[in-house]
């Protein structure tokens, strides 16, 4: 199994105030959410969540399939707009 990484900074625009907030992954702790058996081994889902005072809950997800290979990512910023995203992926 690979390990997820997170680099850079995200810029998120609040949906009503239009204020832009910078999110850094300094304290990000990835959680292994699920593992699903597939043809070439397991597909692993990891995520980390940031609780922000103005933006609420922000979640970054990354999937690994096959093991050690980046498959896809998703950012859940709720109603807010992601202007610049974090660089997330899988270390083999």
Foldseek 3Di string as FASTA:
>chain_A
DWAKDWDDWWWKQDPPPRDIDIGGCPPWDKDFDDWDQDDLGIKTKIKTWDADPRQGIKMKMWIDPPPQFTDDIDIPSDNIDTPGDIDMTTHD
